[in-house]
Amino acid sequence: MTTKEIDTVGEIRARLVDVAGRTTQDLGLGRIVGQVMGYVFLREEDCSLEEIAEELELSKAAVSIAGRQLESLRLLERVWKKGDRRSYYRTARHFGVAVQQGLLRVVRDKVATFGAELDRADDMLAGVKNGRKDGSVEFLRSRVVRGKRLRKRAMQLLDSPILKLLELTGTW
């Protein structure tokens, strides 16, 4: 491989790692989680915690936290090498299935968080009198009720038997 080709490969990897970081940040998982996932995914060999931290210019602590989070989502596997005390990571063997399940879990968590906030808003509005002339209390109540209906529909969709079957079989 020529120097130009090596530079191009490095640039492509760097751009993909950056996009992965921005994507997970948009999903509420944090930028470092995506950067670590992207970096490990784009490597042929297992990656040590130290190597990931150095390459991404992050602290070992930040990479370790992200690695544990990705392990809990079953997107990364921790690997031990005989005679080496360091932690190594690789992408999960069933990465596609893990991504599907992980994304669904994130979406479910976000919908649940939204639902809890709607319930709290509903409780708070119960103590507010309808005396405002601008109708803002009534309008807000109507929007909270509508949001709760939307949340219920979203949860029904996320908990549908067909989606659960697809999750279990990893066929989508």
Foldseek 3Di string as FASTA:
>chain_A
DDPVVVVVVVVVLVVQLQVQLVVVVVLVNHSLLRNLLSNQAPDPDWAWLVRSCVVVVHDSVSSVVSQVVCVVLQQKDWDDDPPDPTITIHGHPLNLLSVLSSSLVSVLVVLVVVLVVLVVVLVVLVPDDCPDPVRPSVVVNVVSVVSNVVSVVVVCVSPPPVNVVCSVVVPD
